[in-house]
Amino acid sequence: MTTEASAGELFSEERSAEAVNAAFDNAPDPRLRQVMQSLVRHLHDFVKDVELTEEEWAAGIAFLTATGQKCDDVRQEFVLLSDVLGVSMLVETVNHRAKGVATESTVLGPFHVVESPPRPLGADISLDHRGESCLVTGRVTGPDGEPIGGAIVDVWQADEDGFYDVQRPGSVPSANLRGLFTTEADGTFWFRTIMPHHYPIPDDGPVGRLLEVTGRHPNRPAHIHFIALADGYAPVTTHLFAAGSAYLDSDAVFGVKPSLVRDFAVVEDPARAAELGLPDRFRAVDFEIVLLRSQE
């Protein structure tokens, strides 16, 4: 290729993105073509903006390689990386923009890696009974307040030491602090658990090292994970955050939204506690989940 016209298609610093994107012009999937060409533009702009050195690029490749090597059946280091860069939260927000009264979404997190077992309403999902007892009640409704009976509510949380069951197999019961519940005809659900506690995300891998060298902490505020879904409605992945928890204003994965923060009240009622099978003093919280109709 020696003509003046064809020379304009060759790679140069000024036209690097254009030259590479021309190679994607014939991609048969238009959405893939759009994504790849946008990625190339932004990536090349980044390299030029910071004038990335060869040593820095090699370090970046080594970091991504180490991130992949840290992944296994129960740990997804790339999800963790996406989380701490705020990408997981942005993707979730873009794809589930809040409309009206709908419950806001937040990140799935890296530990929804096993199916929660179906449990009857009122079950205690804390199988080792370690932690401050807590009663969670709630209701799943549609945007006009209509109750959604038969909705599925998937819940999971870390234990009082900050670990999910899959992180400590053999040390805690399988499916500890996980449950899959079906709402009553009036949309209500309830279960017993322990008071959530703030905890650090896994920081013994490359993502933890990234946080360390950039002066960031690895901590998440106290929360319980929820996924709610029902026929005819758009599902929502969300959190219930404990008011007053540490790190609400500096969540390592940027998952906190003010609408998802609730008070976990202290209840001292021996009669009520006995009825529920809880200690005389326990915590209680109510969490209404509002789903949009699928077509909305």
Foldseek 3Di string as FASTA:
>chain_A
DPDPVVVVLDDDLVCNLVNVLVVLPVPPDVVVSVVVSVVSVVVSVVCVVVVDDPVNVVVVVVLVVQQVVPDDLFFRSVVVVCLLVLNQQVVQCVVCPDDQPADRFFGPDRGPRDDAEADEFLEELAPVPPAFKEKEKEFEAAPVRQGDFFKKKKKAAADPAAHGCVVDPPPGDPNRRIYIYTAHNRRMGMYMYHFFAKHFDDLPTSVVVVCVVVVHGRIAWGWMWIWIDDPQWDIGTHIQGEPPTPCLVPGSRPGHDVVRYWHFDWAQCQVVCVVSVHPNIHTYTYDYGYTYGPVD
